[in-house]
Amino acid sequence: NQCNTVFNSIAWDSTSQDVIVADNKGNLGFYNLIQETWITWKNVSDEPILELHLLPSKTRLLLLMPHSLQVLEILRGVKFKELKEHSGPVVSISSRSMNEGGVLYTAA
């Protein structure tokens, strides 16, 4: 892969025709077989991802790491932006329900 490490876990999303892969550097990737392209490739953890498991009925992805279990919700067709300027500790988290469905989280 592009991080020069082997994949150590793989899952198949038959609905979207995506291969989901994870590696020991904490990277997670979605490769679409129909479009033959990476949908996303992202570092989600500082720890290696040992195993991943897709729950297609709930569109959730479980990531097992040496010291934690991370649960991600898979959203498709959603635009988002990450702000990486914040470097201090998180002291407060707020959430609110959205009219479109889902929850918006804000941290400071």
PDB file of N, CA and C in Angstrom:
ATOM      1  N   ASN A   1       0.824  -1.183   0.000  1.00  0.00           N
ATOM      2  CA  ASN A   1       0.000   0.000   0.000  1.00  0.00           C
ATOM      3  C   ASN A   1       0.866   1.245   0.000  1.00  0.00           C
ATOM      4  N   GLN A   2       0.249   2.406  -0.023  1.00  0.00           N
ATOM      5  CA  GLN A   2       1.014   3.649  -0.128  1.00  0.00           C
ATOM      6  C   GLN A   2       1.809   3.994   1.129  1.00  0.00           C
ATOM      7  N   CYS A   3       1.606   3.274   2.232  1.00  0.00           N
ATOM      8  CA  CYS A   3       2.358   3.516   3.463  1.00  0.00           C
ATOM      9  C   CYS A   3       3.485   2.502   3.659  1.00  0.00           C
ATOM     10  N   ASN A   4       3.711   1.679   2.654  1.00  0.00           N
ATOM     11  CA  ASN A   4       4.781   0.678   2.676  1.00  0.00           C
ATOM     12  C   ASN A   4       4.673  -0.283   3.857  1.00  0.00           C
ATOM     13  N   THR A   5       3.478  -0.750   4.117  1.00  0.00           N
ATOM     14  CA  THR A   5       3.246  -1.751   5.142  1.00  0.00           C
ATOM     15  C   THR A   5       2.161  -2.704   4.641  1.00  0.00           C
ATOM     16  N   VAL A   6       2.171  -3.908   5.138  1.00  0.00           N
ATOM     17  CA  VAL A   6       1.196  -4.888   4.661  1.00  0.00           C
ATOM     18  C   VAL A   6      -0.155  -4.662   5.326  1.00  0.00           C
ATOM     19  N   PHE A   7      -1.216  -5.037   4.618  1.00  0.00           N
ATOM     20  CA  PHE A   7      -2.545  -5.021   5.209  1.00  0.00           C
ATOM     21  C   PHE A   7      -2.637  -6.202   6.170  1.00  0.00           C
ATOM     22  N   ASN A   8      -3.214  -5.978   7.334  1.00  0.00           N
ATOM     23  CA  ASN A   8      -3.370  -7.094   8.267  1.00  0.00           C
ATOM     24  C   ASN A   8      -4.826  -7.403   8.572  1.00  0.00           C
ATOM     25  N   SER A   9      -5.755  -6.708   7.895  1.00  0.00           N
ATOM     26  CA  SER A   9      -7.160  -7.025   8.045  1.00  0.00           C
ATOM     27  C   SER A   9      -7.914  -6.530   6.821  1.00  0.00           C
ATOM     28  N   ILE A  10      -8.967  -7.271   6.459  1.00  0.00           N
ATOM     29  CA  ILE A  10      -9.733  -6.939   5.267  1.00  0.00           C
ATOM     30  C   ILE A  10     -11.206  -7.277   5.504  1.00  0.00           C
ATOM     31  N   ALA A  11     -12.093  -6.473   4.924  1.00  0.00           N
ATOM     32  CA  ALA A  11     -13.537  -6.730   5.000  1.00  0.00           C
ATOM     33  C   ALA A  11     -14.140  -6.390   3.644  1.00  0.00           C
ATOM     34  N   TRP A  12     -15.301  -6.935   3.359  1.00  0.00           N
ATOM     35  CA  TRP A  12     -15.985  -6.742   2.089  1.00  0.00           C
ATOM     36  C   TRP A  12     -17.356  -6.129   2.328  1.00  0.00           C
ATOM     37  N   ASP A  13     -17.639  -5.002   1.689  1.00  0.00           N
ATOM     38  CA  ASP A  13     -18.952  -4.364   1.745  1.00  0.00           C
ATOM     39  C   ASP A  13     -19.653  -4.669   0.431  1.00  0.00           C
ATOM     40  N   SER A  14     -20.537  -5.676   0.442  1.00  0.00           N
ATOM     41  CA  SER A  14     -21.185  -6.120  -0.795  1.00  0.00           C
ATOM     42  C   SER A  14     -22.180  -5.094  -1.329  1.00  0.00           C
ATOM     43  N   THR A  15     -22.744  -4.274  -0.464  1.00  0.00           N
ATOM     44  CA  THR A  15     -23.707  -3.262  -0.908  1.00  0.00           C
ATOM     45  C   THR A  15     -23.037  -2.209  -1.781  1.00  0.00           C
ATOM     46  N   SER A  16     -21.895  -1.706  -1.344  1.00  0.00           N
ATOM     47  CA  SER A  16     -21.192  -0.649  -2.081  1.00  0.00           C
ATOM     48  C   SER A  16     -20.074  -1.179  -2.961  1.00  0.00           C
ATOM     49  N   GLN A  17     -19.811  -2.479  -2.884  1.00  0.00           N
ATOM     50  CA  GLN A  17     -18.727  -3.107  -3.643  1.00  0.00           C
ATOM     51  C   GLN A  17     -17.363  -2.513  -3.263  1.00  0.00           C
ATOM     52  N   ASP A  18     -17.164  -2.343  -1.948  1.00  0.00           N
ATOM     53  CA  ASP A  18     -15.911  -1.803  -1.432  1.00  0.00           C
ATOM     54  C   ASP A  18     -15.124  -2.879  -0.701  1.00  0.00           C
ATOM     55  N   VAL A  19     -13.830  -2.872  -0.912  1.00  0.00           N
ATOM     56  CA  VAL A  19     -12.909  -3.649  -0.096  1.00  0.00           C
ATOM     57  C   VAL A  19     -12.381  -2.683   0.961  1.00  0.00           C
ATOM     58  N   ILE A  20     -12.488  -3.063   2.227  1.00  0.00           N
ATOM     59  CA  ILE A  20     -12.030  -2.229   3.337  1.00  0.00           C
ATOM     60  C   ILE A  20     -10.793  -2.893   3.913  1.00  0.00           C
ATOM     61  N   VAL A  21      -9.705  -2.149   4.014  1.00  0.00           N
ATOM     62  CA  VAL A  21      -8.436  -2.706   4.489  1.00  0.00           C
ATOM     63  C   VAL A  21      -7.881  -1.865   5.630  1.00  0.00           C
ATOM     64  N   ALA A  22      -7.084  -2.507   6.471  1.00  0.00           N
ATOM     65  CA  ALA A  22      -6.422  -1.822   7.583  1.00  0.00           C
ATOM     66  C   ALA A  22      -4.994  -2.348   7.690  1.00  0.00           C
ATOM     67  N   ASP A  23      -4.112  -1.518   8.269  1.00  0.00           N
ATOM     68  CA  ASP A  23      -2.719  -1.950   8.400  1.00  0.00           C
ATOM     69  C   ASP A  23      -2.194  -1.692   9.806  1.00  0.00           C
ATOM     70  N   ASN A  24      -0.920  -2.033  10.020  1.00  0.00           N
ATOM     71  CA  ASN A  24      -0.355  -1.926  11.364  1.00  0.00           C
ATOM     72  C   ASN A  24       0.151  -0.531  11.700  1.00  0.00           C
ATOM     73  N   LYS A  25      -0.087   0.453  10.826  1.00  0.00           N
ATOM     74  CA  LYS A  25       0.230   1.848  11.132  1.00  0.00           C
ATOM     75  C   LYS A  25      -1.025   2.641  11.490  1.00  0.00           C
ATOM     76  N   GLY A  26      -2.175   1.953  11.618  1.00  0.00           N
ATOM     77  CA  GLY A  26      -3.410   2.625  11.990  1.00  0.00           C
ATOM     78  C   GLY A  26      -4.164   3.228  10.815  1.00  0.00           C
ATOM     79  N   ASN A  27      -3.830   2.810   9.595  1.00  0.00           N
ATOM     80  CA  ASN A  27      -4.490   3.334   8.396  1.00  0.00           C
ATOM     81  C   ASN A  27      -5.687   2.471   8.025  1.00  0.00           C
ATOM     82  N   LEU A  28      -6.705   3.137   7.492  1.00  0.00           N
ATOM     83  CA  LEU A  28      -7.929   2.482   7.056  1.00  0.00           C
ATOM     84  C   LEU A  28      -8.231   2.967   5.647  1.00  0.00           C
ATOM     85  N   GLY A  29      -8.516   2.020   4.736  1.00  0.00           N
ATOM     86  CA  GLY A  29      -8.786   2.396   3.357  1.00  0.00           C
ATOM     87  C   GLY A  29     -10.011   1.698   2.800  1.00  0.00           C
ATOM     88  N   PHE A  30     -10.735   2.412   1.946  1.00  0.00           N
ATOM     89  CA  PHE A  30     -11.887   1.875   1.223  1.00  0.00           C
ATOM     90  C   PHE A  30     -11.536   1.918  -0.257  1.00  0.00           C
ATOM     91  N   TYR A  31     -11.522   0.757  -0.917  1.00  0.00           N
ATOM     92  CA  TYR A  31     -11.245   0.671  -2.352  1.00  0.00           C
ATOM     93  C   TYR A  31     -12.504   0.156  -3.042  1.00  0.00           C
ATOM     94  N   ASN A  32     -13.019   0.928  -4.007  1.00  0.00           N
ATOM     95  CA  ASN A  32     -14.234   0.542  -4.713  1.00  0.00           C
ATOM     96  C   ASN A  32     -13.877  -0.234  -5.965  1.00  0.00           C
ATOM     97  N   LEU A  33     -14.418  -1.455  -6.079  1.00  0.00           N
ATOM     98  CA  LEU A  33     -14.102  -2.306  -7.223  1.00  0.00           C
ATOM     99  C   LEU A  33     -14.786  -1.858  -8.502  1.00  0.00           C
ATOM    100  N   ILE A  34     -15.938  -1.212  -8.403  1.00  0.00           N
ATOM    101  CA  ILE A  34     -16.634  -0.743  -9.608  1.00  0.00           C
ATOM    102  C   ILE A  34     -15.875   0.427 -10.231  1.00  0.00           C
ATOM    103  N   GLN A  35     -15.486   1.398  -9.408  1.00  0.00           N
ATOM    104  CA  GLN A  35     -14.770   2.574  -9.909  1.00  0.00           C
ATOM    105  C   GLN A  35     -13.267   2.323 -10.046  1.00  0.00           C
ATOM    106  N   GLU A  36     -12.787   1.233  -9.451  1.00  0.00           N
ATOM    107  CA  GLU A  36     -11.369   0.883  -9.437  1.00  0.00           C
ATOM    108  C   GLU A  36     -10.516   2.040  -8.927  1.00  0.00           C
ATOM    109  N   THR A  37     -10.918   2.569  -7.771  1.00  0.00           N
ATOM    110  CA  THR A  37     -10.195   3.682  -7.166  1.00  0.00           C
ATOM    111  C   THR A  37     -10.377   3.674  -5.657  1.00  0.00           C
ATOM    112  N   TRP A  38      -9.454   4.341  -4.964  1.00  0.00           N
ATOM    113  CA  TRP A  38      -9.579   4.507  -3.524  1.00  0.00           C
ATOM    114  C   TRP A  38     -10.657   5.534  -3.247  1.00  0.00           C
ATOM    115  N   ILE A  39     -11.633   5.174  -2.422  1.00  0.00           N
ATOM    116  CA  ILE A  39     -12.670   6.110  -1.993  1.00  0.00           C
ATOM    117  C   ILE A  39     -12.105   6.996  -0.899  1.00  0.00           C
ATOM    118  N   THR A  40     -11.420   6.382   0.045  1.00  0.00           N
ATOM    119  CA  THR A  40     -10.738   7.134   1.097  1.00  0.00           C
ATOM    120  C   THR A  40      -9.581   6.305   1.639  1.00  0.00           C
ATOM    121  N   TRP A  41      -8.578   7.002   2.099  1.00  0.00           N
ATOM    122  CA  TRP A  41      -7.430   6.392   2.756  1.00  0.00           C
ATOM    123  C   TRP A  41      -7.068   7.328   3.892  1.00  0.00           C
ATOM    124  N   LYS A  42      -7.138   6.847   5.116  1.00  0.00           N
ATOM    125  CA  LYS A  42      -7.023   7.751   6.262  1.00  0.00           C
ATOM    126  C   LYS A  42      -6.348   7.062   7.430  1.00  0.00           C
ATOM    127  N   ASN A  43      -5.523   7.814   8.135  1.00  0.00           N
ATOM    128  CA  ASN A  43      -4.951   7.319   9.377  1.00  0.00           C
ATOM    129  C   ASN A  43      -5.947   7.609  10.489  1.00  0.00           C
ATOM    130  N   VAL A  44      -6.457   6.567  11.138  1.00  0.00           N
ATOM    131  CA  VAL A  44      -7.475   6.719  12.173  1.00  0.00           C
ATOM    132  C   VAL A  44      -6.963   6.407  13.573  1.00  0.00           C
ATOM    133  N   SER A  45      -5.711   5.937  13.684  1.00  0.00           N
ATOM    134  CA  SER A  45      -5.192   5.561  14.996  1.00  0.00           C
ATOM    135  C   SER A  45      -3.667   5.578  14.975  1.00  0.00           C
ATOM    136  N   ASP A  46      -3.090   5.854  16.142  1.00  0.00           N
ATOM    137  CA  ASP A  46      -1.632   5.730  16.288  1.00  0.00           C
ATOM    138  C   ASP A  46      -1.224   4.282  16.524  1.00  0.00           C
ATOM    139  N   GLU A  47      -2.192   3.460  16.893  1.00  0.00           N
ATOM    140  CA  GLU A  47      -1.944   2.047  17.153  1.00  0.00           C
ATOM    141  C   GLU A  47      -2.229   1.223  15.902  1.00  0.00           C
ATOM    142  N   PRO A  48      -1.639   0.037  15.790  1.00  0.00           N
ATOM    143  CA  PRO A  48      -1.972  -0.838  14.667  1.00  0.00           C
ATOM    144  C   PRO A  48      -3.420  -1.327  14.762  1.00  0.00           C
ATOM    145  N   ILE A  49      -4.061  -1.459  13.633  1.00  0.00           N
ATOM    146  CA  ILE A  49      -5.405  -2.035  13.580  1.00  0.00           C
ATOM    147  C   ILE A  49      -5.219  -3.525  13.379  1.00  0.00           C
ATOM    148  N   LEU A  50      -5.579  -4.299  14.384  1.00  0.00           N
ATOM    149  CA  LEU A  50      -5.358  -5.738  14.356  1.00  0.00           C
ATOM    150  C   LEU A  50      -6.441  -6.474  13.574  1.00  0.00           C
ATOM    151  N   GLU A  51      -7.677  -5.984  13.684  1.00  0.00           N
ATOM    152  CA  GLU A  51      -8.803  -6.656  13.039  1.00  0.00           C
ATOM    153  C   GLU A  51      -9.883  -5.632  12.777  1.00  0.00           C
ATOM    154  N   LEU A  52     -10.609  -5.816  11.676  1.00  0.00           N
ATOM    155  CA  LEU A  52     -11.783  -4.991  11.434  1.00  0.00           C
ATOM    156  C   LEU A  52     -12.949  -5.885  11.073  1.00  0.00           C
ATOM    157  N   HIS A  53     -14.143  -5.419  11.451  1.00  0.00           N
ATOM    158  CA  HIS A  53     -15.356  -6.195  11.222  1.00  0.00           C
ATOM    159  C   HIS A  53     -16.458  -5.240  10.810  1.00  0.00           C
ATOM    160  N   LEU A  54     -17.084  -5.510   9.673  1.00  0.00           N
ATOM    161  CA  LEU A  54     -18.154  -4.679   9.146  1.00  0.00           C
ATOM    162  C   LEU A  54     -19.498  -5.220   9.608  1.00  0.00           C
ATOM    163  N   LEU A  55     -20.328  -4.340  10.148  1.00  0.00           N
ATOM    164  CA  LEU A  55     -21.717  -4.658  10.481  1.00  0.00           C
ATOM    165  C   LEU A  55     -22.585  -3.963   9.443  1.00  0.00           C
ATOM    166  N   PRO A  56     -22.865  -4.615   8.310  1.00  0.00           N
ATOM    167  CA  PRO A  56     -23.545  -3.933   7.206  1.00  0.00           C
ATOM    168  C   PRO A  56     -24.960  -3.474   7.526  1.00  0.00           C
ATOM    169  N   SER A  57     -25.670  -4.189   8.387  1.00  0.00           N
ATOM    170  CA  SER A  57     -27.043  -3.796   8.692  1.00  0.00           C
ATOM    171  C   SER A  57     -27.085  -2.483   9.471  1.00  0.00           C
ATOM    172  N   LYS A  58     -26.018  -2.161  10.168  1.00  0.00           N
ATOM    173  CA  LYS A  58     -25.965  -0.922  10.951  1.00  0.00           C
ATOM    174  C   LYS A  58     -24.980   0.069  10.355  1.00  0.00           C
ATOM    175  N   THR A  59     -24.360  -0.252   9.233  1.00  0.00           N
ATOM    176  CA  THR A  59     -23.318   0.554   8.583  1.00  0.00           C
ATOM    177  C   THR A  59     -22.258   1.008   9.583  1.00  0.00           C
ATOM    178  N   ARG A  60     -21.816   0.064  10.395  1.00  0.00           N
ATOM    179  CA  ARG A  60     -20.766   0.346  11.365  1.00  0.00           C
ATOM    180  C   ARG A  60     -19.554  -0.524  11.089  1.00  0.00           C
ATOM    181  N   LEU A  61     -18.404   0.016  11.421  1.00  0.00           N
ATOM    182  CA  LEU A  61     -17.149  -0.694  11.252  1.00  0.00           C
ATOM    183  C   LEU A  61     -16.460  -0.746  12.611  1.00  0.00           C
ATOM    184  N   LEU A  62     -16.132  -1.953  13.070  1.00  0.00           N
ATOM    185  CA  LEU A  62     -15.446  -2.140  14.345  1.00  0.00           C
ATOM    186  C   LEU A  62     -13.963  -2.327  14.073  1.00  0.00           C
ATOM    187  N   LEU A  63     -13.133  -1.550  14.764  1.00  0.00           N
ATOM    188  CA  LEU A  63     -11.679  -1.635  14.619  1.00  0.00           C
ATOM    189  C   LEU A  63     -11.088  -2.081  15.948  1.00  0.00           C
ATOM    190  N   LEU A  64     -10.411  -3.211  15.944  1.00  0.00           N
ATOM    191  CA  LEU A  64      -9.761  -3.724  17.149  1.00  0.00           C
ATOM    192  C   LEU A  64      -8.295  -3.332  17.119  1.00  0.00           C
ATOM    193  N   MET A  65      -7.861  -2.644  18.176  1.00  0.00           N
ATOM    194  CA  MET A  65      -6.474  -2.238  18.321  1.00  0.00           C
ATOM    195  C   MET A  65      -5.927  -2.848  19.610  1.00  0.00           C
ATOM    196  N   PRO A  66      -4.624  -2.826  19.849  1.00  0.00           N
ATOM    197  CA  PRO A  66      -4.076  -3.496  21.035  1.00  0.00           C
ATOM    198  C   PRO A  66      -4.690  -3.044  22.359  1.00  0.00           C
ATOM    199  N   HIS A  67      -5.093  -1.771  22.458  1.00  0.00           N
ATOM    200  CA  HIS A  67      -5.589  -1.260  23.735  1.00  0.00           C
ATOM    201  C   HIS A  67      -6.980  -0.663  23.648  1.00  0.00           C
ATOM    202  N   SER A  68      -7.658  -0.828  22.526  1.00  0.00           N
ATOM    203  CA  SER A  68      -8.993  -0.222  22.411  1.00  0.00           C
ATOM    204  C   SER A  68      -9.792  -0.869  21.285  1.00  0.00           C
ATOM    205  N   LEU A  69     -11.078  -0.583  21.312  1.00  0.00           N
ATOM    206  CA  LEU A  69     -11.994  -0.972  20.243  1.00  0.00           C
ATOM    207  C   LEU A  69     -12.672   0.311  19.772  1.00  0.00           C
ATOM    208  N   GLN A  70     -12.532   0.628  18.503  1.00  0.00           N
ATOM    209  CA  GLN A  70     -13.113   1.846  17.952  1.00  0.00           C
ATOM    210  C   GLN A  70     -14.287   1.460  17.066  1.00  0.00           C
ATOM    211  N   VAL A  71     -15.405   2.162  17.206  1.00  0.00           N
ATOM    212  CA  VAL A  71     -16.589   1.926  16.392  1.00  0.00           C
ATOM    213  C   VAL A  71     -16.798   3.135  15.496  1.00  0.00           C
ATOM    214  N   LEU A  72     -16.803   2.903  14.192  1.00  0.00           N
ATOM    215  CA  LEU A  72     -17.005   3.977  13.225  1.00  0.00           C
ATOM    216  C   LEU A  72     -18.329   3.763  12.512  1.00  0.00           C
ATOM    217  N   GLU A  73     -19.048   4.841  12.255  1.00  0.00           N
ATOM    218  CA  GLU A  73     -20.257   4.771  11.457  1.00  0.00           C
ATOM    219  C   GLU A  73     -19.909   5.183  10.039  1.00  0.00           C
ATOM    220  N   ILE A  74     -20.308   4.393   9.070  1.00  0.00           N
ATOM    221  CA  ILE A  74     -19.990   4.667   7.673  1.00  0.00           C
ATOM    222  C   ILE A  74     -21.107   5.512   7.077  1.00  0.00           C
ATOM    223  N   LEU A  75     -20.744   6.707   6.652  1.00  0.00           N
ATOM    224  CA  LEU A  75     -21.695   7.613   6.005  1.00  0.00           C
ATOM    225  C   LEU A  75     -21.233   7.825   4.574  1.00  0.00           C
ATOM    226  N   ARG A  76     -22.135   7.689   3.646  1.00  0.00           N
ATOM    227  CA  ARG A  76     -21.799   7.869   2.239  1.00  0.00           C
ATOM    228  C   ARG A  76     -22.511   9.100   1.699  1.00  0.00           C
ATOM    229  N   GLY A  77     -21.847   9.812   0.785  1.00  0.00           N
ATOM    230  CA  GLY A  77     -22.436  10.997   0.182  1.00  0.00           C
ATOM    231  C   GLY A  77     -22.470  12.182   1.123  1.00  0.00           C
ATOM    232  N   VAL A  78     -21.653  12.157   2.175  1.00  0.00           N
ATOM    233  CA  VAL A  78     -21.615  13.250   3.134  1.00  0.00           C
ATOM    234  C   VAL A  78     -20.306  14.001   2.952  1.00  0.00           C
ATOM    235  N   LYS A  79     -20.388  15.304   2.819  1.00  0.00           N
ATOM    236  CA  LYS A  79     -19.183  16.116   2.721  1.00  0.00           C
ATOM    237  C   LYS A  79     -18.788  16.556   4.118  1.00  0.00           C
ATOM    238  N   PHE A  80     -17.506  16.552   4.393  1.00  0.00           N
ATOM    239  CA  PHE A  80     -17.029  16.965   5.705  1.00  0.00           C
ATOM    240  C   PHE A  80     -15.688  17.650   5.554  1.00  0.00           C
ATOM    241  N   LYS A  81     -15.271  18.318   6.591  1.00  0.00           N
ATOM    242  CA  LYS A  81     -13.972  18.974   6.616  1.00  0.00           C
ATOM    243  C   LYS A  81     -13.375  18.770   7.991  1.00  0.00           C
ATOM    244  N   GLU A  82     -12.101  18.498   8.021  1.00  0.00           N
ATOM    245  CA  GLU A  82     -11.394  18.347   9.284  1.00  0.00           C
ATOM    246  C   GLU A  82     -10.561  19.592   9.539  1.00  0.00           C
ATOM    247  N   LEU A  83     -10.626  20.066  10.752  1.00  0.00           N
ATOM    248  CA  LEU A  83      -9.783  21.184  11.166  1.00  0.00           C
ATOM    249  C   LEU A  83      -8.696  20.625  12.058  1.00  0.00           C
ATOM    250  N   LYS A  84      -7.451  20.855  11.680  1.00  0.00           N
ATOM    251  CA  LYS A  84      -6.344  20.261  12.425  1.00  0.00           C
ATOM    252  C   LYS A  84      -5.510  21.312  13.147  1.00  0.00           C
ATOM    253  N   GLU A  85      -6.046  22.525  13.288  1.00  0.00           N
ATOM    254  CA  GLU A  85      -5.291  23.582  13.939  1.00  0.00           C
ATOM    255  C   GLU A  85      -5.269  23.434  15.457  1.00  0.00           C
ATOM    256  N   HIS A  86      -6.259  22.758  16.019  1.00  0.00           N
ATOM    257  CA  HIS A  86      -6.358  22.608  17.471  1.00  0.00           C
ATOM    258  C   HIS A  86      -5.277  21.642  17.949  1.00  0.00           C
ATOM    259  N   SER A  87      -4.442  22.097  18.866  1.00  0.00           N
ATOM    260  CA  SER A  87      -3.358  21.230  19.338  1.00  0.00           C
ATOM    261  C   SER A  87      -3.387  20.991  20.842  1.00  0.00           C
ATOM    262  N   GLY A  88      -4.245  21.704  21.595  1.00  0.00           N
ATOM    263  CA  GLY A  88      -4.315  21.540  23.038  1.00  0.00           C
ATOM    264  C   GLY A  88      -5.254  20.425  23.430  1.00  0.00           C
ATOM    265  N   PRO A  89      -5.431  20.224  24.719  1.00  0.00           N
ATOM    266  CA  PRO A  89      -6.341  19.170  25.178  1.00  0.00           C
ATOM    267  C   PRO A  89      -7.798  19.541  24.911  1.00  0.00           C
ATOM    268  N   VAL A  90      -8.623  18.533  24.725  1.00  0.00           N
ATOM    269  CA  VAL A  90     -10.060  18.738  24.564  1.00  0.00           C
ATOM    270  C   VAL A  90     -10.659  18.859  25.962  1.00  0.00           C
ATOM    271  N   VAL A  91     -11.335  19.989  26.223  1.00  0.00           N
ATOM    272  CA  VAL A  91     -11.888  20.225  27.551  1.00  0.00           C
ATOM    273  C   VAL A  91     -13.405  20.171  27.576  1.00  0.00           C
ATOM    274  N   SER A  92     -14.019  20.176  26.386  1.00  0.00           N
ATOM    275  CA  SER A  92     -15.477  20.141  26.338  1.00  0.00           C
ATOM    276  C   SER A  92     -15.933  19.543  25.015  1.00  0.00           C
ATOM    277  N   ILE A  93     -17.000  18.750  25.066  1.00  0.00           N
ATOM    278  CA  ILE A  93     -17.604  18.198  23.859  1.00  0.00           C
ATOM    279  C   ILE A  93     -19.099  18.467  23.926  1.00  0.00           C
ATOM    280  N   SER A  94     -19.646  18.937  22.807  1.00  0.00           N
ATOM    281  CA  SER A  94     -21.071  19.228  22.733  1.00  0.00           C
ATOM    282  C   SER A  94     -21.654  18.502  21.531  1.00  0.00           C
ATOM    283  N   SER A  95     -22.922  18.114  21.626  1.00  0.00           N
ATOM    284  CA  SER A  95     -23.567  17.448  20.493  1.00  0.00           C
ATOM    285  C   SER A  95     -24.979  17.972  20.337  1.00  0.00           C
ATOM    286  N   ARG A  96     -25.492  17.877  19.101  1.00  0.00           N
ATOM    287  CA  ARG A  96     -26.886  18.221  18.844  1.00  0.00           C
ATOM    288  C   ARG A  96     -27.381  17.413  17.656  1.00  0.00           C
ATOM    289  N   SER A  97     -28.676  17.107  17.670  1.00  0.00           N
ATOM    290  CA  SER A  97     -29.289  16.356  16.576  1.00  0.00           C
ATOM    291  C   SER A  97     -29.485  17.273  15.372  1.00  0.00           C
ATOM    292  N   MET A  98     -29.307  16.711  14.198  1.00  0.00           N
ATOM    293  CA  MET A  98     -29.449  17.477  12.952  1.00  0.00           C
ATOM    294  C   MET A  98     -30.809  17.178  12.325  1.00  0.00           C
ATOM    295  N   ASN A  99     -31.380  18.145  11.629  1.00  0.00           N
ATOM    296  CA  ASN A  99     -32.649  17.955  10.926  1.00  0.00           C
ATOM    297  C   ASN A  99     -32.542  16.866   9.868  1.00  0.00           C
ATOM    298  N   GLU A 100     -31.365  16.731   9.255  1.00  0.00           N
ATOM    299  CA  GLU A 100     -31.142  15.740   8.202  1.00  0.00           C
ATOM    300  C   GLU A 100     -30.935  14.347   8.769  1.00  0.00           C
ATOM    301  N   GLY A 101     -30.894  14.252  10.081  1.00  0.00           N
ATOM    302  CA  GLY A 101     -30.573  12.981  10.735  1.00  0.00           C
ATOM    303  C   GLY A 101     -29.142  12.991  11.193  1.00  0.00           C
ATOM    304  N   GLY A 102     -28.831  12.195  12.132  1.00  0.00           N
ATOM    305  CA  GLY A 102     -27.473  12.125  12.648  1.00  0.00           C
ATOM    306  C   GLY A 102     -27.243  13.123  13.748  1.00  0.00           C
ATOM    307  N   VAL A 103     -25.997  13.163  14.218  1.00  0.00           N
ATOM    308  CA  VAL A 103     -25.619  14.028  15.332  1.00  0.00           C
ATOM    309  C   VAL A 103     -24.369  14.798  14.938  1.00  0.00           C
ATOM    310  N   LEU A 104     -24.334  16.086  15.263  1.00  0.00           N
ATOM    311  CA  LEU A 104     -23.180  16.928  15.033  1.00  0.00           C
ATOM    312  C   LEU A 104     -22.428  17.062  16.348  1.00  0.00           C
ATOM    313  N   TYR A 105     -21.132  16.740  16.351  1.00  0.00           N
ATOM    314  CA  TYR A 105     -20.301  16.846  17.546  1.00  0.00           C
ATOM    315  C   TYR A 105     -19.338  18.002  17.383  1.00  0.00           C
ATOM    316  N   THR A 106     -19.121  18.751  18.448  1.00  0.00           N
ATOM    317  CA  THR A 106     -18.183  19.858  18.467  1.00  0.00           C
ATOM    318  C   THR A 106     -17.327  19.712  19.709  1.00  0.00           C
ATOM    319  N   ALA A 107     -16.025  19.925  19.551  1.00  0.00           N
ATOM    320  CA  ALA A 107     -15.115  19.829  20.690  1.00  0.00           C
ATOM    321  C   ALA A 107     -14.277  21.094  20.760  1.00  0.00           C
ATOM    322  N   ALA A 108     -13.900  21.463  21.954  1.00  0.00           N
ATOM    323  CA  ALA A 108     -13.036  22.640  22.156  1.00  0.00           C
ATOM    324  C   ALA A 108     -11.984  22.316  23.209  1.00  0.00           C
TER     325      ALA A 108
END
